């Protein structure tokens, strides 16, 4: 994947975190999806197959875009944390900007 595209996605994740429009970690991400607050979900490609399937199914059911992107350390670093396997963007505009960048990389899971 092109490095600058990757960098734009990580920058948008950082921006979302600073804006307070991001939930991370399995429990918080799941809560954001089930409450209807999530606008886009990103799962680390290092997350277990079970985790990827669980979130892909949950997002597909609720028609929330879901992407597999980056490794746990990359995602965590982008938001100033350690490791993160899942995250949800709760702002529509930030989610749209992220989806545009992720869409250039590959197709969504859900």
PDB file of N, CA and C in Angstrom:
ATOM      1  N   UNK A   1       0.844  -1.177   0.000  1.00  0.00           N
ATOM      2  CA  UNK A   1       0.000   0.000   0.000  1.00  0.00           C
ATOM      3  C   UNK A   1       0.887   1.236   0.000  1.00  0.00           C
ATOM      4  N   UNK A   2       0.469   2.274  -0.704  1.00  0.00           N
ATOM      5  CA  UNK A   2       1.284   3.479  -0.799  1.00  0.00           C
ATOM      6  C   UNK A   2       1.488   4.123   0.575  1.00  0.00           C
ATOM      7  N   UNK A   3       2.712   4.500   0.860  1.00  0.00           N
ATOM      8  CA  UNK A   3       3.055   5.043   2.173  1.00  0.00           C
ATOM      9  C   UNK A   3       2.284   6.325   2.493  1.00  0.00           C
ATOM     10  N   UNK A   4       2.161   7.235   1.519  1.00  0.00           N
ATOM     11  CA  UNK A   4       1.475   8.489   1.809  1.00  0.00           C
ATOM     12  C   UNK A   4      -0.014   8.270   2.103  1.00  0.00           C
ATOM     13  N   UNK A   5      -0.628   7.288   1.463  1.00  0.00           N
ATOM     14  CA  UNK A   5      -2.038   6.947   1.714  1.00  0.00           C
ATOM     15  C   UNK A   5      -2.168   6.425   3.147  1.00  0.00           C
ATOM     16  N   UNK A   6      -1.251   5.560   3.519  1.00  0.00           N
ATOM     17  CA  UNK A   6      -1.197   4.984   4.853  1.00  0.00           C
ATOM     18  C   UNK A   6      -1.050   6.102   5.885  1.00  0.00           C
ATOM     19  N   UNK A   7      -0.161   7.049   5.611  1.00  0.00           N
ATOM     20  CA  UNK A   7       0.091   8.168   6.517  1.00  0.00           C
ATOM     21  C   UNK A   7      -1.162   9.036   6.678  1.00  0.00           C
ATOM     22  N   UNK A   8      -1.897   9.254   5.600  1.00  0.00           N
ATOM     23  CA  UNK A   8      -3.118  10.069   5.661  1.00  0.00           C
ATOM     24  C   UNK A   8      -4.152   9.402   6.556  1.00  0.00           C
ATOM     25  N   UNK A   9      -4.290   8.089   6.445  1.00  0.00           N
ATOM     26  CA  UNK A   9      -5.250   7.353   7.281  1.00  0.00           C
ATOM     27  C   UNK A   9      -4.866   7.497   8.752  1.00  0.00           C
ATOM     28  N   UNK A  10      -3.580   7.285   9.064  1.00  0.00           N
ATOM     29  CA  UNK A  10      -3.118   7.379  10.447  1.00  0.00           C
ATOM     30  C   UNK A  10      -3.263   8.806  10.987  1.00  0.00           C
ATOM     31  N   UNK A  11      -3.034   9.796  10.146  1.00  0.00           N
ATOM     32  CA  UNK A  11      -3.201  11.203  10.547  1.00  0.00           C
ATOM     33  C   UNK A  11      -4.659  11.502  10.885  1.00  0.00           C
ATOM     34  N   UNK A  12      -5.572  10.975  10.063  1.00  0.00           N
ATOM     35  CA  UNK A  12      -7.002  11.175  10.320  1.00  0.00           C
ATOM     36  C   UNK A  12      -7.447  10.475  11.609  1.00  0.00           C
ATOM     37  N   UNK A  13      -6.838   9.333  11.907  1.00  0.00           N
ATOM     38  CA  UNK A  13      -7.138   8.633  13.162  1.00  0.00           C
ATOM     39  C   UNK A  13      -6.684   9.504  14.338  1.00  0.00           C
ATOM     40  N   UNK A  14      -5.487  10.074  14.223  1.00  0.00           N
ATOM     41  CA  UNK A  14      -4.970  10.966  15.264  1.00  0.00           C
ATOM     42  C   UNK A  14      -5.854  12.188  15.449  1.00  0.00           C
ATOM     43  N   UNK A  15      -6.299  12.761  14.343  1.00  0.00           N
ATOM     44  CA  UNK A  15      -7.185  13.927  14.376  1.00  0.00           C
ATOM     45  C   UNK A  15      -8.513  13.580  15.064  1.00  0.00           C
ATOM     46  N   UNK A  16      -9.043  12.405  14.738  1.00  0.00           N
ATOM     47  CA  UNK A  16     -10.293  11.937  15.348  1.00  0.00           C
ATOM     48  C   UNK A  16     -10.132  11.798  16.859  1.00  0.00           C
ATOM     49  N   UNK A  17      -8.974  11.287  17.280  1.00  0.00           N
ATOM     50  CA  UNK A  17      -8.696  11.105  18.704  1.00  0.00           C
ATOM     51  C   UNK A  17      -8.658  12.471  19.403  1.00  0.00           C
ATOM     52  N   UNK A  18      -7.933  13.415  18.803  1.00  0.00           N
ATOM     53  CA  UNK A  18      -7.816  14.757  19.391  1.00  0.00           C
ATOM     54  C   UNK A  18      -9.174  15.444  19.475  1.00  0.00           C
ATOM     55  N   UNK A  19     -10.029  15.160  18.495  1.00  0.00           N
ATOM     56  CA  UNK A  19     -11.369  15.773  18.467  1.00  0.00           C
ATOM     57  C   UNK A  19     -12.346  15.066  19.405  1.00  0.00           C
ATOM     58  N   UNK A  20     -11.907  13.957  19.996  1.00  0.00           N
ATOM     59  CA  UNK A  20     -12.784  13.207  20.896  1.00  0.00           C
ATOM     60  C   UNK A  20     -13.867  12.447  20.150  1.00  0.00           C
ATOM     61  N   UNK A  21     -13.594  12.103  18.895  1.00  0.00           N
ATOM     62  CA  UNK A  21     -14.584  11.425  18.046  1.00  0.00           C
ATOM     63  C   UNK A  21     -14.156   9.991  17.717  1.00  0.00           C
ATOM     64  N   UNK A  22     -13.460   9.353  18.662  1.00  0.00           N
ATOM     65  CA  UNK A  22     -12.944   8.018  18.418  1.00  0.00           C
ATOM     66  C   UNK A  22     -13.116   7.175  19.678  1.00  0.00           C
ATOM     67  N   UNK A  23     -13.572   5.939  19.484  1.00  0.00           N
ATOM     68  CA  UNK A  23     -13.642   4.954  20.563  1.00  0.00           C
ATOM     69  C   UNK A  23     -12.675   3.842  20.192  1.00  0.00           C
ATOM     70  N   UNK A  24     -11.868   3.360  21.148  1.00  0.00           N
ATOM     71  CA  UNK A  24     -10.918   2.304  20.813  1.00  0.00           C
ATOM     72  C   UNK A  24     -10.949   1.189  21.844  1.00  0.00           C
ATOM     73  N   UNK A  25     -10.480   0.034  21.416  1.00  0.00           N
ATOM     74  CA  UNK A  25     -10.531  -1.153  22.254  1.00  0.00           C
ATOM     75  C   UNK A  25     -11.812  -1.927  21.970  1.00  0.00           C
ATOM     76  N   UNK A  26     -11.770  -3.212  22.169  1.00  0.00           N
ATOM     77  CA  UNK A  26     -12.901  -4.074  21.833  1.00  0.00           C
ATOM     78  C   UNK A  26     -14.215  -3.673  22.470  1.00  0.00           C
ATOM     79  N   UNK A  27     -14.207  -3.443  23.786  1.00  0.00           N
ATOM     80  CA  UNK A  27     -15.446  -3.122  24.494  1.00  0.00           C
ATOM     81  C   UNK A  27     -16.039  -1.798  24.018  1.00  0.00           C
ATOM     82  N   UNK A  28     -15.209  -0.750  23.976  1.00  0.00           N
ATOM     83  CA  UNK A  28     -15.689   0.584  23.580  1.00  0.00           C
ATOM     84  C   UNK A  28     -16.133   0.618  22.126  1.00  0.00           C
ATOM     85  N   UNK A  29     -15.409  -0.094  21.265  1.00  0.00           N
ATOM     86  CA  UNK A  29     -15.774  -0.139  19.845  1.00  0.00           C
ATOM     87  C   UNK A  29     -17.123  -0.835  19.688  1.00  0.00           C
ATOM     88  N   UNK A  30     -17.272  -1.961  20.367  1.00  0.00           N
ATOM     89  CA  UNK A  30     -18.537  -2.715  20.295  1.00  0.00           C
ATOM     90  C   UNK A  30     -19.704  -1.872  20.812  1.00  0.00           C
ATOM     91  N   UNK A  31     -19.475  -1.160  21.904  1.00  0.00           N
ATOM     92  CA  UNK A  31     -20.507  -0.298  22.488  1.00  0.00           C
ATOM     93  C   UNK A  31     -20.906   0.807  21.498  1.00  0.00           C
ATOM     94  N   UNK A  32     -19.909   1.412  20.828  1.00  0.00           N
ATOM     95  CA  UNK A  32     -20.183   2.477  19.852  1.00  0.00           C
ATOM     96  C   UNK A  32     -20.991   1.935  18.670  1.00  0.00           C
ATOM     97  N   UNK A  33     -20.668   0.726  18.218  1.00  0.00           N
ATOM     98  CA  UNK A  33     -21.393   0.107  17.101  1.00  0.00           C
ATOM     99  C   UNK A  33     -22.829  -0.193  17.518  1.00  0.00           C
ATOM    100  N   UNK A  34     -22.994  -0.849  18.653  1.00  0.00           N
ATOM    101  CA  UNK A  34     -24.327  -1.266  19.092  1.00  0.00           C
ATOM    102  C   UNK A  34     -25.222  -0.096  19.488  1.00  0.00           C
ATOM    103  N   UNK A  35     -24.625   1.009  19.941  1.00  0.00           N
ATOM    104  CA  UNK A  35     -25.419   2.181  20.331  1.00  0.00           C
ATOM    105  C   UNK A  35     -25.763   3.049  19.120  1.00  0.00           C
ATOM    106  N   UNK A  36     -25.157   2.729  17.972  1.00  0.00           N
ATOM    107  CA  UNK A  36     -25.438   3.500  16.766  1.00  0.00           C
ATOM    108  C   UNK A  36     -24.569   4.736  16.615  1.00  0.00           C
ATOM    109  N   UNK A  37     -23.565   4.911  17.498  1.00  0.00           N
ATOM    110  CA  UNK A  37     -22.687   6.075  17.423  1.00  0.00           C
ATOM    111  C   UNK A  37     -21.553   5.916  16.414  1.00  0.00           C
ATOM    112  N   UNK A  38     -21.173   4.687  16.124  1.00  0.00           N
ATOM    113  CA  UNK A  38     -20.048   4.451  15.208  1.00  0.00           C
ATOM    114  C   UNK A  38     -20.442   4.793  13.771  1.00  0.00           C
ATOM    115  N   UNK A  39     -19.568   5.494  13.084  1.00  0.00           N
ATOM    116  CA  UNK A  39     -19.783   5.837  11.674  1.00  0.00           C
ATOM    117  C   UNK A  39     -18.856   5.031  10.768  1.00  0.00           C
ATOM    118  N   UNK A  40     -17.748   4.507  11.362  1.00  0.00           N
ATOM    119  CA  UNK A  40     -16.780   3.710  10.620  1.00  0.00           C
ATOM    120  C   UNK A  40     -15.964   2.918  11.639  1.00  0.00           C
ATOM    121  N   UNK A  41     -15.676   1.671  11.317  1.00  0.00           N
ATOM    122  CA  UNK A  41     -14.889   0.820  12.216  1.00  0.00           C
ATOM    123  C   UNK A  41     -13.627   0.365  11.491  1.00  0.00           C
ATOM    124  N   UNK A  42     -12.509   0.403  12.216  1.00  0.00           N
ATOM    125  CA  UNK A  42     -11.241  -0.099  11.686  1.00  0.00           C
ATOM    126  C   UNK A  42     -10.758  -1.203  12.611  1.00  0.00           C
ATOM    127  N   UNK A  43     -10.381  -2.331  12.008  1.00  0.00           N
ATOM    128  CA  UNK A  43      -9.861  -3.477  12.751  1.00  0.00           C
ATOM    129  C   UNK A  43      -8.421  -3.695  12.306  1.00  0.00           C
ATOM    130  N   UNK A  44      -7.534  -3.917  13.238  1.00  0.00           N
ATOM    131  CA  UNK A  44      -6.143  -4.204  12.903  1.00  0.00           C
ATOM    132  C   UNK A  44      -6.066  -5.524  12.137  1.00  0.00           C
ATOM    133  N   UNK A  45      -5.157  -5.584  11.166  1.00  0.00           N
ATOM    134  CA  UNK A  45      -5.005  -6.846  10.438  1.00  0.00           C
ATOM    135  C   UNK A  45      -4.385  -7.918  11.339  1.00  0.00           C
ATOM    136  N   UNK A  46      -3.857  -7.518  12.504  1.00  0.00           N
ATOM    137  CA  UNK A  46      -3.316  -8.478  13.473  1.00  0.00           C
ATOM    138  C   UNK A  46      -4.383  -9.013  14.429  1.00  0.00           C
ATOM    139  N   UNK A  47      -5.582  -8.425  14.382  1.00  0.00           N
ATOM    140  CA  UNK A  47      -6.667  -8.918  15.252  1.00  0.00           C
ATOM    141  C   UNK A  47      -6.994 -10.357  14.863  1.00  0.00           C
ATOM    142  N   UNK A  48      -7.458 -11.126  15.820  1.00  0.00           N
ATOM    143  CA  UNK A  48      -7.772 -12.537  15.537  1.00  0.00           C
ATOM    144  C   UNK A  48      -8.881 -12.638  14.491  1.00  0.00           C
ATOM    145  N   UNK A  49      -8.925 -13.759  13.816  1.00  0.00           N
ATOM    146  CA  UNK A  49      -9.969 -14.006  12.819  1.00  0.00           C
ATOM    147  C   UNK A  49     -11.349 -13.886  13.441  1.00  0.00           C
ATOM    148  N   UNK A  50     -11.459 -14.347  14.692  1.00  0.00           N
ATOM    149  CA  UNK A  50     -12.728 -14.285  15.412  1.00  0.00           C
ATOM    150  C   UNK A  50     -13.148 -12.829  15.634  1.00  0.00           C
ATOM    151  N   UNK A  51     -12.194 -11.989  16.041  1.00  0.00           N
ATOM    152  CA  UNK A  51     -12.474 -10.560  16.272  1.00  0.00           C
ATOM    153  C   UNK A  51     -12.864  -9.888  14.961  1.00  0.00           C
ATOM    154  N   UNK A  52     -12.114 -10.174  13.891  1.00  0.00           N
ATOM    155  CA  UNK A  52     -12.420  -9.582  12.593  1.00  0.00           C
ATOM    156  C   UNK A  52     -13.823  -9.967  12.141  1.00  0.00           C
ATOM    157  N   UNK A  53     -14.168 -11.251  12.285  1.00  0.00           N
ATOM    158  CA  UNK A  53     -15.491 -11.714  11.861  1.00  0.00           C
ATOM    159  C   UNK A  53     -16.591 -11.092  12.716  1.00  0.00           C
ATOM    160  N   UNK A  54     -16.375 -11.049  14.026  1.00  0.00           N
ATOM    161  CA  UNK A  54     -17.364 -10.481  14.952  1.00  0.00           C
ATOM    162  C   UNK A  54     -17.699  -9.043  14.566  1.00  0.00           C
ATOM    163  N   UNK A  55     -16.675  -8.208  14.367  1.00  0.00           N
ATOM    164  CA  UNK A  55     -16.923  -6.808  14.038  1.00  0.00           C
ATOM    165  C   UNK A  55     -17.449  -6.640  12.612  1.00  0.00           C
ATOM    166  N   UNK A  56     -16.960  -7.450  11.684  1.00  0.00           N
ATOM    167  CA  UNK A  56     -17.458  -7.376  10.301  1.00  0.00           C
ATOM    168  C   UNK A  56     -18.950  -7.697  10.262  1.00  0.00           C
ATOM    169  N   UNK A  57     -19.354  -8.738  10.984  1.00  0.00           N
ATOM    170  CA  UNK A  57     -20.769  -9.128  11.027  1.00  0.00           C
ATOM    171  C   UNK A  57     -21.623  -8.062  11.712  1.00  0.00           C
ATOM    172  N   UNK A  58     -21.120  -7.555  12.835  1.00  0.00           N
ATOM    173  CA  UNK A  58     -21.832  -6.526  13.602  1.00  0.00           C
ATOM    174  C   UNK A  58     -22.041  -5.268  12.743  1.00  0.00           C
ATOM    175  N   UNK A  59     -20.989  -4.890  12.015  1.00  0.00           N
ATOM    176  CA  UNK A  59     -21.056  -3.687  11.170  1.00  0.00           C
ATOM    177  C   UNK A  59     -21.944  -3.921   9.944  1.00  0.00           C
ATOM    178  N   UNK A  60     -21.853  -5.097   9.348  1.00  0.00           N
ATOM    179  CA  UNK A  60     -22.666  -5.410   8.168  1.00  0.00           C
ATOM    180  C   UNK A  60     -24.154  -5.338   8.531  1.00  0.00           C
ATOM    181  N   UNK A  61     -24.491  -5.887   9.688  1.00  0.00           N
ATOM    182  CA  UNK A  61     -25.877  -5.891  10.155  1.00  0.00           C
ATOM    183  C   UNK A  61     -26.407  -4.470  10.317  1.00  0.00           C
ATOM    184  N   UNK A  62     -25.546  -3.578  10.798  1.00  0.00           N
ATOM    185  CA  UNK A  62     -25.955  -2.188  11.050  1.00  0.00           C
ATOM    186  C   UNK A  62     -25.576  -1.239   9.915  1.00  0.00           C
ATOM    187  N   UNK A  63     -25.043  -1.802   8.837  1.00  0.00           N
ATOM    188  CA  UNK A  63     -24.634  -1.024   7.658  1.00  0.00           C
ATOM    189  C   UNK A  63     -23.621   0.072   8.003  1.00  0.00           C
ATOM    190  N   UNK A  64     -22.620  -0.300   8.801  1.00  0.00           N
ATOM    191  CA  UNK A  64     -21.527   0.598   9.163  1.00  0.00           C
ATOM    192  C   UNK A  64     -20.288   0.129   8.399  1.00  0.00           C
ATOM    193  N   UNK A  65     -19.605   1.029   7.681  1.00  0.00           N
ATOM    194  CA  UNK A  65     -18.389   0.614   6.961  1.00  0.00           C
ATOM    195  C   UNK A  65     -17.348   0.062   7.940  1.00  0.00           C
ATOM    196  N   UNK A  66     -16.708  -1.031   7.547  1.00  0.00           N
ATOM    197  CA  UNK A  66     -15.729  -1.706   8.401  1.00  0.00           C
ATOM    198  C   UNK A  66     -14.515  -2.076   7.554  1.00  0.00           C
ATOM    199  N   UNK A  67     -13.334  -1.673   7.991  1.00  0.00           N
ATOM    200  CA  UNK A  67     -12.106  -1.925   7.240  1.00  0.00           C
ATOM    201  C   UNK A  67     -11.072  -2.613   8.107  1.00  0.00           C
ATOM    202  N   UNK A  68     -10.254  -3.458   7.478  1.00  0.00           N
ATOM    203  CA  UNK A  68      -9.076  -4.026   8.133  1.00  0.00           C
ATOM    204  C   UNK A  68      -7.913  -3.181   7.655  1.00  0.00           C
ATOM    205  N   UNK A  69      -7.182  -2.590   8.607  1.00  0.00           N
ATOM    206  CA  UNK A  69      -6.093  -1.684   8.247  1.00  0.00           C
ATOM    207  C   UNK A  69      -5.040  -1.657   9.352  1.00  0.00           C
ATOM    208  N   UNK A  70      -3.792  -1.661   8.963  1.00  0.00           N
ATOM    209  CA  UNK A  70      -2.673  -1.448   9.882  1.00  0.00           C
ATOM    210  C   UNK A  70      -2.485  -2.538  10.912  1.00  0.00           C
ATOM    211  N   UNK A  71      -1.382  -2.417  11.653  1.00  0.00           N
ATOM    212  CA  UNK A  71      -1.173  -3.360  12.748  1.00  0.00           C
ATOM    213  C   UNK A  71      -1.534  -2.680  14.069  1.00  0.00           C
ATOM    214  N   UNK A  72      -1.578  -3.457  15.126  1.00  0.00           N
ATOM    215  CA  UNK A  72      -2.041  -2.951  16.421  1.00  0.00           C
ATOM    216  C   UNK A  72      -1.194  -1.780  16.921  1.00  0.00           C
ATOM    217  N   UNK A  73       0.115  -1.896  16.740  1.00  0.00           N
ATOM    218  CA  UNK A  73       1.021  -0.848  17.215  1.00  0.00           C
ATOM    219  C   UNK A  73       0.818   0.446  16.426  1.00  0.00           C
ATOM    220  N   UNK A  74       0.659   0.313  15.109  1.00  0.00           N
ATOM    221  CA  UNK A  74       0.422   1.468  14.226  1.00  0.00           C
ATOM    222  C   UNK A  74      -0.851   2.218  14.634  1.00  0.00           C
ATOM    223  N   UNK A  75      -1.931   1.469  14.828  1.00  0.00           N
ATOM    224  CA  UNK A  75      -3.211   2.079  15.211  1.00  0.00           C
ATOM    225  C   UNK A  75      -3.111   2.742  16.570  1.00  0.00           C
ATOM    226  N   UNK A  76      -2.495   2.052  17.525  1.00  0.00           N
ATOM    227  CA  UNK A  76      -2.335   2.611  18.858  1.00  0.00           C
ATOM    228  C   UNK A  76      -1.487   3.879  18.836  1.00  0.00           C
ATOM    229  N   UNK A  77      -0.383   3.827  18.113  1.00  0.00           N
ATOM    230  CA  UNK A  77       0.531   4.976  18.017  1.00  0.00           C
ATOM    231  C   UNK A  77      -0.176   6.190  17.405  1.00  0.00           C
ATOM    232  N   UNK A  78      -1.010   5.956  16.415  1.00  0.00           N
ATOM    233  CA  UNK A  78      -1.725   7.048  15.733  1.00  0.00           C
ATOM    234  C   UNK A  78      -2.628   7.815  16.704  1.00  0.00           C
ATOM    235  N   UNK A  79      -3.096   7.116  17.753  1.00  0.00           N
ATOM    236  CA  UNK A  79      -3.977   7.793  18.717  1.00  0.00           C
ATOM    237  C   UNK A  79      -3.299   8.046  20.051  1.00  0.00           C
ATOM    238  N   UNK A  80      -1.960   7.897  20.080  1.00  0.00           N
ATOM    239  CA  UNK A  80      -1.217   8.191  21.299  1.00  0.00           C
ATOM    240  C   UNK A  80      -1.378   7.154  22.396  1.00  0.00           C
ATOM    241  N   UNK A  81      -1.708   5.929  22.017  1.00  0.00           N
ATOM    242  CA  UNK A  81      -1.867   4.835  22.992  1.00  0.00           C
ATOM    243  C   UNK A  81      -0.843   3.757  22.653  1.00  0.00           C
ATOM    244  N   UNK A  82      -0.944   2.607  23.322  1.00  0.00           N
ATOM    245  CA  UNK A  82      -0.033   1.524  22.987  1.00  0.00           C
ATOM    246  C   UNK A  82      -0.595   0.709  21.827  1.00  0.00           C
ATOM    247  N   UNK A  83      -1.233  -0.404  22.124  1.00  0.00           N
ATOM    248  CA  UNK A  83      -1.758  -1.264  21.062  1.00  0.00           C
ATOM    249  C   UNK A  83      -3.270  -1.156  21.014  1.00  0.00           C
ATOM    250  N   UNK A  84      -3.825  -1.104  19.824  1.00  0.00           N
ATOM    251  CA  UNK A  84      -5.276  -1.113  19.664  1.00  0.00           C
ATOM    252  C   UNK A  84      -5.626  -2.028  18.491  1.00  0.00           C
ATOM    253  N   UNK A  85      -6.548  -2.978  18.738  1.00  0.00           N
ATOM    254  CA  UNK A  85      -6.966  -3.905  17.689  1.00  0.00           C
ATOM    255  C   UNK A  85      -8.188  -3.392  16.946  1.00  0.00           C
ATOM    256  N   UNK A  86      -9.018  -2.596  17.637  1.00  0.00           N
ATOM    257  CA  UNK A  86     -10.237  -2.075  17.002  1.00  0.00           C
ATOM    258  C   UNK A  86     -10.451  -0.625  17.398  1.00  0.00           C
ATOM    259  N   UNK A  87     -11.095   0.116  16.494  1.00  0.00           N
ATOM    260  CA  UNK A  87     -11.479   1.483  16.820  1.00  0.00           C
ATOM    261  C   UNK A  87     -12.693   1.870  15.996  1.00  0.00           C
ATOM    262  N   UNK A  88     -13.461   2.800  16.551  1.00  0.00           N
ATOM    263  CA  UNK A  88     -14.659   3.291  15.866  1.00  0.00           C
ATOM    264  C   UNK A  88     -14.588   4.815  15.804  1.00  0.00           C
ATOM    265  N   UNK A  89     -14.864   5.360  14.631  1.00  0.00           N
ATOM    266  CA  UNK A  89     -14.944   6.809  14.439  1.00  0.00           C
ATOM    267  C   UNK A  89     -16.411   7.195  14.633  1.00  0.00           C
ATOM    268  N   UNK A  90     -16.669   8.196  15.470  1.00  0.00           N
ATOM    269  CA  UNK A  90     -18.050   8.550  15.786  1.00  0.00           C
ATOM    270  C   UNK A  90     -18.521   9.832  15.097  1.00  0.00           C
ATOM    271  N   UNK A  91     -17.644  10.482  14.342  1.00  0.00           N
ATOM    272  CA  UNK A  91     -18.019  11.702  13.629  1.00  0.00           C
ATOM    273  C   UNK A  91     -18.212  11.398  12.145  1.00  0.00           C
ATOM    274  N   UNK A  92     -19.347  11.840  11.595  1.00  0.00           N
ATOM    275  CA  UNK A  92     -19.677  11.539  10.208  1.00  0.00           C
ATOM    276  C   UNK A  92     -18.652  12.087   9.200  1.00  0.00           C
ATOM    277  N   UNK A  93     -18.213  13.330   9.406  1.00  0.00           N
ATOM    278  CA  UNK A  93     -17.273  13.945   8.463  1.00  0.00           C
ATOM    279  C   UNK A  93     -15.892  13.294   8.519  1.00  0.00           C
ATOM    280  N   UNK A  94     -15.409  13.014   9.731  1.00  0.00           N
ATOM    281  CA  UNK A  94     -14.120  12.333   9.863  1.00  0.00           C
ATOM    282  C   UNK A  94     -14.210  10.923   9.286  1.00  0.00           C
ATOM    283  N   UNK A  95     -15.331  10.257   9.522  1.00  0.00           N
ATOM    284  CA  UNK A  95     -15.530   8.906   8.983  1.00  0.00           C
ATOM    285  C   UNK A  95     -15.528   8.942   7.457  1.00  0.00           C
ATOM    286  N   UNK A  96     -16.169   9.951   6.878  1.00  0.00           N
ATOM    287  CA  UNK A  96     -16.221  10.075   5.418  1.00  0.00           C
ATOM    288  C   UNK A  96     -14.822  10.316   4.845  1.00  0.00           C
ATOM    289  N   UNK A  97     -14.037  11.161   5.521  1.00  0.00           N
ATOM    290  CA  UNK A  97     -12.667  11.437   5.064  1.00  0.00           C
ATOM    291  C   UNK A  97     -11.812  10.176   5.162  1.00  0.00           C
ATOM    292  N   UNK A  98     -11.958   9.447   6.259  1.00  0.00           N
ATOM    293  CA  UNK A  98     -11.214   8.195   6.434  1.00  0.00           C
ATOM    294  C   UNK A  98     -11.628   7.161   5.408  1.00  0.00           C
ATOM    295  N   UNK A  99     -12.925   7.060   5.179  1.00  0.00           N
ATOM    296  CA  UNK A  99     -13.420   6.074   4.214  1.00  0.00           C
ATOM    297  C   UNK A  99     -12.903   6.375   2.813  1.00  0.00           C
ATOM    298  N   UNK A 100     -12.806   7.654   2.487  1.00  0.00           N
ATOM    299  CA  UNK A 100     -12.269   8.037   1.171  1.00  0.00           C
ATOM    300  C   UNK A 100     -10.827   7.565   1.035  1.00  0.00           C
ATOM    301  N   UNK A 101     -10.031   7.755   2.082  1.00  0.00           N
ATOM    302  CA  UNK A 101      -8.625   7.323   2.049  1.00  0.00           C
ATOM    303  C   UNK A 101      -8.515   5.795   2.036  1.00  0.00           C
ATOM    304  N   UNK A 102      -9.308   5.131   2.898  1.00  0.00           N
ATOM    305  CA  UNK A 102      -9.275   3.668   2.958  1.00  0.00           C
ATOM    306  C   UNK A 102      -9.806   3.056   1.664  1.00  0.00           C
ATOM    307  N   UNK A 103     -10.780   3.712   1.062  1.00  0.00           N
ATOM    308  CA  UNK A 103     -11.360   3.226  -0.200  1.00  0.00           C
ATOM    309  C   UNK A 103     -10.334   3.211  -1.313  1.00  0.00           C
ATOM    310  N   UNK A 104      -9.370   4.130  -1.248  1.00  0.00           N
ATOM    311  CA  UNK A 104      -8.308   4.150  -2.259  1.00  0.00           C
ATOM    312  C   UNK A 104      -7.364   2.962  -2.063  1.00  0.00           C
ATOM    313  N   UNK A 105      -7.346   2.433  -0.844  1.00  0.00           N
ATOM    314  CA  UNK A 105      -6.455   1.317  -0.541  1.00  0.00           C
ATOM    315  C   UNK A 105      -7.086  -0.029  -0.879  1.00  0.00           C
ATOM    316  N   UNK A 106      -8.338  -0.229  -0.444  1.00  0.00           N
ATOM    317  CA  UNK A 106      -9.016  -1.495  -0.737  1.00  0.00           C
ATOM    318  C   UNK A 106     -10.489  -1.448  -0.359  1.00  0.00           C
ATOM    319  N   UNK A 107     -11.179  -2.518  -0.619  1.00  0.00           N
ATOM    320  CA  UNK A 107     -12.614  -2.585  -0.376  1.00  0.00           C
ATOM    321  C   UNK A 107     -12.906  -2.859   1.106  1.00  0.00           C
ATOM    322  N   UNK A 108     -14.056  -2.370   1.603  1.00  0.00           N
ATOM    323  CA  UNK A 108     -14.421  -2.617   2.996  1.00  0.00           C
ATOM    324  C   UNK A 108     -14.837  -4.063   3.230  1.00  0.00           C
ATOM    325  N   UNK A 109     -14.818  -4.455   4.503  1.00  0.00           N
ATOM    326  CA  UNK A 109     -15.295  -5.786   4.896  1.00  0.00           C
ATOM    327  C   UNK A 109     -16.807  -5.829   4.869  1.00  0.00           C
ATOM    328  N   UNK A 110     -17.425  -4.730   5.306  1.00  0.00           N
ATOM    329  CA  UNK A 110     -18.881  -4.714   5.417  1.00  0.00           C
ATOM    330  C   UNK A 110     -19.447  -3.494   4.716  1.00  0.00           C
TER     331      UNK A 110
END
